[in-house]
């Protein structure tokens, strides 16, 4: 029996709990979500949320190039709003996310990012995203931001 191929139109998502709020005893947690869609294959959306929402906890939305996320597994990369760097000692990837006030600095397991990127590659391999639709989606996102 052949495995079912992945749905190339389905979004690829990964989530990591950054802080479960265990020390506060208040049941709050901070989550970093990585999201990618084949309709905009160059972009990975990073969404930092607090559950339940609280004004003192970091949150925001950033967009980074999928290639930068790939490079960030092995070397420091990025500038401006998103900086990415590997942590070889802890086998993690650090994100420095610009926001009003102080930047949010969070890390996730490197394997989570590798798995996320591998799943995006199943839908649209790097280098194959060069279509009119992908360029249009990239331009539209840049003009909206």
N, C-alpha and C. Protein backbone atom coordinates (compact mmCIF):
# COMPACT_ATOMS: atom_id res chain seq x y z
N UNK A 1 0.84 -1.18 0.00
CA UNK A 1 0.00 0.00 0.00
C UNK A 1 0.89 1.24 0.00
N UNK A 2 0.64 2.15 -0.92
CA UNK A 2 1.41 3.38 -1.06
C UNK A 2 0.96 4.41 -0.03
N UNK A 3 1.92 5.14 0.60
CA UNK A 3 1.51 6.21 1.51
C UNK A 3 0.82 7.32 0.73
N UNK A 4 -0.12 7.96 1.38
CA UNK A 4 -0.83 9.06 0.75
C UNK A 4 0.08 10.27 0.68
N UNK A 5 0.24 10.87 -0.53
CA UNK A 5 1.09 12.06 -0.62
C UNK A 5 0.46 13.21 0.14
N UNK A 6 1.30 14.13 0.65
CA UNK A 6 0.75 15.27 1.40
C UNK A 6 -0.09 16.16 0.49
N UNK A 7 -1.08 16.82 1.08
CA UNK A 7 -1.90 17.78 0.35
C UNK A 7 -1.06 19.03 0.14
N UNK A 8 -0.70 19.30 -1.12
CA UNK A 8 0.21 20.42 -1.40
C UNK A 8 -0.44 21.78 -1.17
N UNK A 9 -1.76 21.81 -0.99
CA UNK A 9 -2.44 23.08 -0.74
C UNK A 9 -2.67 23.34 0.75
N UNK A 10 -2.45 22.33 1.57
CA UNK A 10 -2.69 22.49 3.01
C UNK A 10 -1.56 23.31 3.63
N UNK A 11 -1.91 24.21 4.55
CA UNK A 11 -0.86 24.97 5.24
C UNK A 11 0.03 24.03 6.08
N UNK A 12 1.27 24.41 6.23
CA UNK A 12 2.19 23.68 7.10
C UNK A 12 2.36 24.52 8.35
N UNK A 13 2.14 23.89 9.51
CA UNK A 13 2.16 24.61 10.78
C UNK A 13 2.98 23.83 11.80
N UNK A 14 3.71 24.54 12.62
CA UNK A 14 4.40 23.96 13.77
C UNK A 14 4.25 24.92 14.94
N UNK A 15 4.08 24.38 16.14
CA UNK A 15 3.95 25.22 17.33
C UNK A 15 4.89 24.73 18.41
N UNK A 16 5.43 25.68 19.16
CA UNK A 16 6.29 25.36 20.30
C UNK A 16 5.86 26.21 21.48
N UNK A 17 5.70 25.56 22.62
CA UNK A 17 5.42 26.30 23.85
C UNK A 17 6.74 26.87 24.33
N UNK A 18 6.80 28.19 24.42
CA UNK A 18 8.02 28.88 24.82
C UNK A 18 8.13 28.92 26.34
N UNK A 19 7.01 29.22 26.98
CA UNK A 19 6.97 29.32 28.43
C UNK A 19 5.59 28.89 28.89
N UNK A 20 5.55 27.87 29.73
CA UNK A 20 4.24 27.40 30.18
C UNK A 20 3.76 28.11 31.42
N UNK A 21 4.49 29.09 31.90
CA UNK A 21 4.03 29.89 33.04
C UNK A 21 3.97 29.12 34.34
N UNK A 22 4.67 28.01 34.42
CA UNK A 22 4.61 27.17 35.61
C UNK A 22 5.04 27.86 36.89
N UNK A 23 6.00 28.78 36.78
CA UNK A 23 6.47 29.46 37.98
C UNK A 23 5.45 30.44 38.53
N UNK A 24 4.63 31.00 37.64
CA UNK A 24 3.66 31.99 38.11
C UNK A 24 2.44 31.33 38.71
N UNK A 25 2.17 30.08 38.32
CA UNK A 25 1.00 29.40 38.83
C UNK A 25 -0.30 29.97 38.30
N UNK A 26 -0.23 30.78 37.26
CA UNK A 26 -1.43 31.43 36.74
C UNK A 26 -1.96 30.76 35.47
N UNK A 27 -1.34 29.68 35.01
CA UNK A 27 -1.82 28.96 33.86
C UNK A 27 -1.62 29.67 32.54
N UNK A 28 -0.71 30.61 32.47
CA UNK A 28 -0.44 31.31 31.21
C UNK A 28 0.69 30.61 30.47
N UNK A 29 0.62 30.70 29.15
CA UNK A 29 1.74 30.18 28.36
C UNK A 29 1.94 31.03 27.12
N UNK A 30 3.18 31.02 26.64
CA UNK A 30 3.55 31.74 25.43
C UNK A 30 3.88 30.69 24.37
N UNK A 31 3.31 30.89 23.16
CA UNK A 31 3.46 29.91 22.08
C UNK A 31 3.99 30.61 20.84
N UNK A 32 4.98 29.98 20.18
CA UNK A 32 5.46 30.45 18.88
C UNK A 32 4.94 29.50 17.83
N UNK A 33 4.21 30.06 16.86
CA UNK A 33 3.64 29.27 15.76
C UNK A 33 4.37 29.65 14.47
N UNK A 34 4.81 28.66 13.71
CA UNK A 34 5.39 28.85 12.39
C UNK A 34 4.35 28.38 11.38
N UNK A 35 4.05 29.20 10.39
CA UNK A 35 3.05 28.84 9.40
C UNK A 35 3.54 29.16 7.99
N UNK A 36 3.24 28.27 7.06
CA UNK A 36 3.67 28.42 5.67
C UNK A 36 2.55 27.92 4.77
N UNK A 37 2.37 28.58 3.63
CA UNK A 37 1.36 28.16 2.65
C UNK A 37 1.98 28.11 1.26
N UNK A 38 1.58 27.13 0.49
CA UNK A 38 2.10 26.96 -0.87
C UNK A 38 1.76 28.14 -1.75
N UNK A 39 0.68 28.85 -1.43
CA UNK A 39 0.30 30.02 -2.24
C UNK A 39 1.26 31.19 -2.07
N UNK A 40 2.06 31.19 -1.01
CA UNK A 40 3.07 32.22 -0.77
C UNK A 40 4.34 31.49 -0.29
N UNK A 41 4.98 30.73 -1.19
CA UNK A 41 6.02 29.79 -0.77
C UNK A 41 7.31 30.40 -0.24
N UNK A 42 7.53 31.68 -0.47
CA UNK A 42 8.75 32.31 0.04
C UNK A 42 8.65 32.65 1.53
N UNK A 43 7.44 32.81 2.03
CA UNK A 43 7.23 33.40 3.36
C UNK A 43 6.88 32.37 4.43
N UNK A 44 7.45 32.59 5.61
CA UNK A 44 7.06 31.86 6.82
C UNK A 44 6.57 32.91 7.80
N UNK A 45 5.38 32.71 8.32
CA UNK A 45 4.81 33.62 9.31
C UNK A 45 5.17 33.10 10.69
N UNK A 46 5.68 33.98 11.54
CA UNK A 46 5.96 33.67 12.94
C UNK A 46 4.92 34.41 13.77
N UNK A 47 4.18 33.67 14.58
CA UNK A 47 3.13 34.27 15.39
C UNK A 47 3.40 33.92 16.85
N UNK A 48 3.65 34.95 17.64
CA UNK A 48 3.92 34.77 19.07
C UNK A 48 2.66 35.19 19.82
N UNK A 49 2.09 34.26 20.58
CA UNK A 49 0.85 34.55 21.30
C UNK A 49 0.97 34.15 22.76
N UNK A 50 0.17 34.79 23.56
CA UNK A 50 0.05 34.45 24.98
C UNK A 50 -1.34 33.87 25.18
N UNK A 51 -1.42 32.78 25.93
CA UNK A 51 -2.70 32.14 26.19
C UNK A 51 -2.87 31.95 27.68
N UNK A 52 -3.87 32.54 28.31
CA UNK A 52 -4.74 33.56 27.75
C UNK A 52 -3.96 34.86 27.53
N UNK A 53 -4.51 35.68 26.65
CA UNK A 53 -3.84 36.93 26.29
C UNK A 53 -3.64 37.80 27.53
N UNK A 54 -2.48 38.43 27.60
CA UNK A 54 -2.17 39.33 28.72
C UNK A 54 -1.23 40.40 28.19
N UNK A 55 -1.47 41.68 28.50
CA UNK A 55 -0.65 42.76 27.93
C UNK A 55 0.82 42.72 28.33
N UNK A 56 1.16 42.06 29.42
CA UNK A 56 2.55 42.02 29.85
C UNK A 56 3.35 40.92 29.15
N UNK A 57 2.67 40.02 28.44
CA UNK A 57 3.36 38.92 27.79
C UNK A 57 3.64 39.27 26.33
N UNK A 58 4.78 38.80 25.79
CA UNK A 58 5.14 39.16 24.41
C UNK A 58 4.18 38.53 23.41
N UNK A 59 3.91 39.27 22.33
CA UNK A 59 3.08 38.77 21.25
C UNK A 59 3.35 39.60 20.00
N UNK A 60 3.02 39.04 18.86
CA UNK A 60 3.20 39.76 17.61
C UNK A 60 3.23 38.80 16.43
N UNK A 61 3.33 39.40 15.24
CA UNK A 61 3.37 38.65 13.99
C UNK A 61 4.52 39.18 13.15
N UNK A 62 5.33 38.27 12.65
CA UNK A 62 6.47 38.61 11.81
C UNK A 62 6.48 37.69 10.60
N UNK A 63 7.09 38.14 9.52
CA UNK A 63 7.25 37.32 8.32
C UNK A 63 8.74 37.24 8.00
N UNK A 64 9.20 36.03 7.73
CA UNK A 64 10.60 35.80 7.39
C UNK A 64 10.65 34.94 6.13
N UNK A 65 11.68 35.11 5.33
CA UNK A 65 11.85 34.27 4.16
C UNK A 65 12.15 32.83 4.58
N UNK A 66 11.55 31.89 3.88
CA UNK A 66 11.80 30.47 4.18
C UNK A 66 13.29 30.16 4.09
N UNK A 67 13.99 30.77 3.10
CA UNK A 67 15.43 30.55 2.98
C UNK A 67 16.18 31.02 4.23
N UNK A 68 15.78 32.16 4.80
CA UNK A 68 16.45 32.65 6.00
C UNK A 68 16.25 31.68 7.17
N UNK A 69 15.06 31.12 7.27
CA UNK A 69 14.81 30.15 8.32
C UNK A 69 15.71 28.92 8.14
N UNK A 70 15.89 28.52 6.90
CA UNK A 70 16.78 27.40 6.60
C UNK A 70 18.22 27.73 6.97
N UNK A 71 18.70 28.91 6.57
CA UNK A 71 20.07 29.32 6.90
C UNK A 71 20.26 29.41 8.42
N UNK A 72 19.22 29.86 9.12
CA UNK A 72 19.30 30.05 10.57
C UNK A 72 19.51 28.76 11.35
N UNK A 73 19.31 27.62 10.71
CA UNK A 73 19.59 26.34 11.38
C UNK A 73 21.09 26.16 11.62
N UNK A 74 21.92 26.77 10.76
CA UNK A 74 23.35 26.55 10.83
C UNK A 74 24.18 27.80 11.08
N UNK A 75 23.61 28.99 10.80
CA UNK A 75 24.39 30.22 10.97
C UNK A 75 23.46 31.37 11.32
N UNK A 76 24.02 32.39 11.96
CA UNK A 76 23.23 33.58 12.28
C UNK A 76 22.83 34.28 11.00
N UNK A 77 21.58 34.69 10.92
CA UNK A 77 21.08 35.35 9.72
C UNK A 77 19.97 36.31 10.08
N UNK A 78 19.57 37.09 9.11
CA UNK A 78 18.45 38.01 9.29
C UNK A 78 18.91 39.37 9.75
N UNK A 79 18.02 40.32 9.56
CA UNK A 79 18.26 41.68 10.03
C UNK A 79 16.91 42.35 10.18
N UNK A 80 16.91 43.53 10.68
CA UNK A 80 15.64 44.23 10.83
C UNK A 80 14.74 43.59 11.86
N UNK A 81 13.57 43.16 11.44
CA UNK A 81 12.53 42.68 12.35
C UNK A 81 12.81 41.29 12.93
N UNK A 82 13.49 40.42 12.16
CA UNK A 82 13.71 39.04 12.60
C UNK A 82 15.18 38.67 12.44
N UNK A 83 15.78 38.24 13.54
CA UNK A 83 17.14 37.71 13.50
C UNK A 83 17.07 36.27 14.01
N UNK A 84 17.82 35.40 13.35
CA UNK A 84 17.78 33.97 13.67
C UNK A 84 19.21 33.49 13.88
N UNK A 85 19.40 32.65 14.90
CA UNK A 85 20.73 32.08 15.10
C UNK A 85 20.61 30.71 15.76
N UNK A 86 21.49 29.79 15.37
CA UNK A 86 21.48 28.47 15.98
C UNK A 86 22.15 28.49 17.35
N UNK A 87 21.76 27.57 18.19
CA UNK A 87 22.40 27.35 19.48
C UNK A 87 22.84 25.89 19.48
N UNK A 88 24.09 25.67 19.05
CA UNK A 88 24.60 24.31 18.91
C UNK A 88 24.67 23.57 20.24
N UNK A 89 24.97 24.28 21.30
CA UNK A 89 25.10 23.66 22.61
C UNK A 89 23.78 23.04 23.08
N UNK A 90 22.69 23.76 22.87
CA UNK A 90 21.36 23.28 23.33
C UNK A 90 20.53 22.67 22.21
N UNK A 91 21.06 22.67 20.97
CA UNK A 91 20.37 22.16 19.79
C UNK A 91 19.02 22.85 19.60
N UNK A 92 19.08 24.19 19.64
CA UNK A 92 17.90 25.03 19.50
C UNK A 92 18.16 26.11 18.47
N UNK A 93 17.10 26.81 18.09
CA UNK A 93 17.19 27.96 17.19
C UNK A 93 16.59 29.14 17.94
N UNK A 94 17.35 30.24 17.98
CA UNK A 94 16.89 31.46 18.65
C UNK A 94 16.32 32.44 17.64
N UNK A 95 15.24 33.09 18.02
CA UNK A 95 14.62 34.14 17.23
C UNK A 95 14.63 35.42 18.05
N UNK A 96 15.14 36.49 17.46
CA UNK A 96 15.03 37.82 18.07
C UNK A 96 14.01 38.58 17.22
N UNK A 97 12.87 38.85 17.82
CA UNK A 97 11.72 39.42 17.11
C UNK A 97 11.50 40.85 17.57
N UNK A 98 11.73 41.81 16.65
CA UNK A 98 11.59 43.23 16.99
C UNK A 98 10.13 43.54 17.30
N UNK A 99 9.93 44.35 18.31
CA UNK A 99 8.60 44.82 18.68
C UNK A 99 8.77 46.10 19.47
N UNK A 100 7.70 46.86 19.67
CA UNK A 100 7.83 48.09 20.45
C UNK A 100 8.41 47.77 21.83
N UNK A 101 9.30 48.62 22.28
CA UNK A 101 9.97 48.36 23.56
C UNK A 101 11.14 47.44 23.34
N UNK A 102 11.15 46.35 24.04
CA UNK A 102 12.25 45.39 23.96
C UNK A 102 11.90 44.23 23.02
N UNK A 103 12.88 43.76 22.27
CA UNK A 103 12.67 42.63 21.36
C UNK A 103 12.29 41.39 22.15
N UNK A 104 11.49 40.54 21.54
CA UNK A 104 11.15 39.24 22.13
C UNK A 104 12.20 38.24 21.65
N UNK A 105 12.89 37.60 22.56
CA UNK A 105 13.90 36.60 22.23
C UNK A 105 13.38 35.24 22.71
N UNK A 106 13.16 34.33 21.76
CA UNK A 106 12.62 33.01 22.08
C UNK A 106 13.41 31.95 21.34
N UNK A 107 13.41 30.75 21.89
CA UNK A 107 14.10 29.65 21.20
C UNK A 107 13.17 28.44 21.13
N UNK A 108 13.40 27.65 20.08
CA UNK A 108 12.64 26.42 19.88
C UNK A 108 13.62 25.31 19.53
N UNK A 109 13.23 24.06 19.72
CA UNK A 109 14.13 22.96 19.34
C UNK A 109 14.45 23.01 17.85
N UNK A 110 15.71 22.80 17.53
CA UNK A 110 16.15 22.83 16.14
C UNK A 110 15.39 21.78 15.31
N UNK A 111 15.12 20.63 15.89
CA UNK A 111 14.42 19.57 15.18
C UNK A 111 13.01 20.00 14.77
N UNK A 112 12.35 20.82 15.57
CA UNK A 112 11.02 21.33 15.22
C UNK A 112 11.10 22.16 13.95
N UNK A 113 12.12 23.00 13.84
CA UNK A 113 12.29 23.85 12.66
C UNK A 113 12.67 22.99 11.45
N UNK A 114 13.56 22.03 11.65
CA UNK A 114 13.95 21.13 10.54
C UNK A 114 12.75 20.37 10.00
N UNK A 115 11.94 19.83 10.90
CA UNK A 115 10.75 19.08 10.49
C UNK A 115 9.77 19.98 9.75
N UNK A 116 9.56 21.19 10.28
CA UNK A 116 8.66 22.15 9.65
C UNK A 116 9.13 22.44 8.22
N UNK A 117 10.41 22.74 8.05
CA UNK A 117 10.96 23.05 6.72
C UNK A 117 10.87 21.85 5.79
N UNK A 118 11.10 20.66 6.30
CA UNK A 118 11.01 19.46 5.47
C UNK A 118 9.58 19.28 4.94
N UNK A 119 8.60 19.58 5.78
CA UNK A 119 7.20 19.46 5.34
C UNK A 119 6.86 20.51 4.29
N UNK A 120 7.46 21.72 4.38
CA UNK A 120 7.21 22.71 3.32
C UNK A 120 7.84 22.26 2.01
N UNK A 121 9.00 21.60 2.10
CA UNK A 121 9.70 21.12 0.90
C UNK A 121 8.90 20.05 0.17
N UNK A 122 8.09 19.28 0.89
CA UNK A 122 7.26 18.26 0.25
C UNK A 122 6.22 18.90 -0.66
N UNK A 123 5.74 20.07 -0.28
CA UNK A 123 4.73 20.76 -1.09
C UNK A 123 5.36 21.58 -2.22
N UNK A 124 6.34 22.40 -1.87
CA UNK A 124 7.02 23.24 -2.86
C UNK A 124 8.52 23.23 -2.52
N UNK A 125 9.29 22.42 -3.25
CA UNK A 125 10.73 22.38 -2.98
C UNK A 125 11.37 23.75 -3.21
N UNK A 126 12.41 24.03 -2.41
CA UNK A 126 13.15 25.29 -2.62
C UNK A 126 13.68 25.31 -4.05
N UNK A 127 13.51 26.44 -4.69
CA UNK A 127 13.93 26.59 -6.07
C UNK A 127 12.78 26.39 -7.05
N UNK A 128 11.74 25.68 -6.62
CA UNK A 128 10.58 25.43 -7.49
C UNK A 128 9.48 26.46 -7.26
N UNK A 129 9.70 27.41 -6.36
CA UNK A 129 8.65 28.37 -6.04
C UNK A 129 8.61 29.55 -7.01
N UNK A 130 9.47 29.54 -7.98
CA UNK A 130 9.55 30.66 -8.91
C UNK A 130 8.47 30.61 -9.98
N UNK A 131 7.28 30.94 -9.59
CA UNK A 131 6.17 31.01 -10.53
C UNK A 131 5.57 32.41 -10.45
N UNK A 132 4.75 32.73 -11.41
CA UNK A 132 4.10 34.04 -11.41
C UNK A 132 3.28 34.24 -10.15
N UNK A 133 2.58 33.18 -9.70
CA UNK A 133 1.74 33.29 -8.50
C UNK A 133 2.58 33.57 -7.26
N UNK A 134 3.73 32.90 -7.14
CA UNK A 134 4.59 33.09 -5.98
C UNK A 134 5.15 34.51 -5.96
N UNK A 135 5.58 35.00 -7.10
CA UNK A 135 6.11 36.37 -7.18
C UNK A 135 5.01 37.37 -6.85
N UNK A 136 3.81 37.15 -7.40
CA UNK A 136 2.68 38.04 -7.11
C UNK A 136 2.36 38.06 -5.62
N UNK A 137 2.37 36.89 -4.98
CA UNK A 137 2.08 36.81 -3.54
C UNK A 137 3.14 37.54 -2.73
N UNK A 138 4.41 37.38 -3.12
CA UNK A 138 5.50 38.06 -2.43
C UNK A 138 5.36 39.57 -2.56
N UNK A 139 5.10 40.06 -3.77
CA UNK A 139 4.94 41.51 -3.99
C UNK A 139 3.75 42.05 -3.21
N UNK A 140 2.64 41.34 -3.22
CA UNK A 140 1.45 41.78 -2.50
C UNK A 140 1.74 41.89 -1.00
N UNK A 141 2.42 40.88 -0.44
CA UNK A 141 2.74 40.90 0.99
C UNK A 141 3.68 42.06 1.32
N UNK A 142 4.67 42.29 0.47
CA UNK A 142 5.61 43.40 0.71
C UNK A 142 4.91 44.74 0.65
N UNK A 143 3.99 44.91 -0.28
CA UNK A 143 3.26 46.17 -0.40
C UNK A 143 2.29 46.38 0.75
N UNK A 144 1.74 45.30 1.29
CA UNK A 144 0.81 45.41 2.41
C UNK A 144 1.54 45.75 3.71
N UNK A 145 2.74 45.21 3.87
CA UNK A 145 3.50 45.46 5.10
C UNK A 145 4.08 46.84 5.06
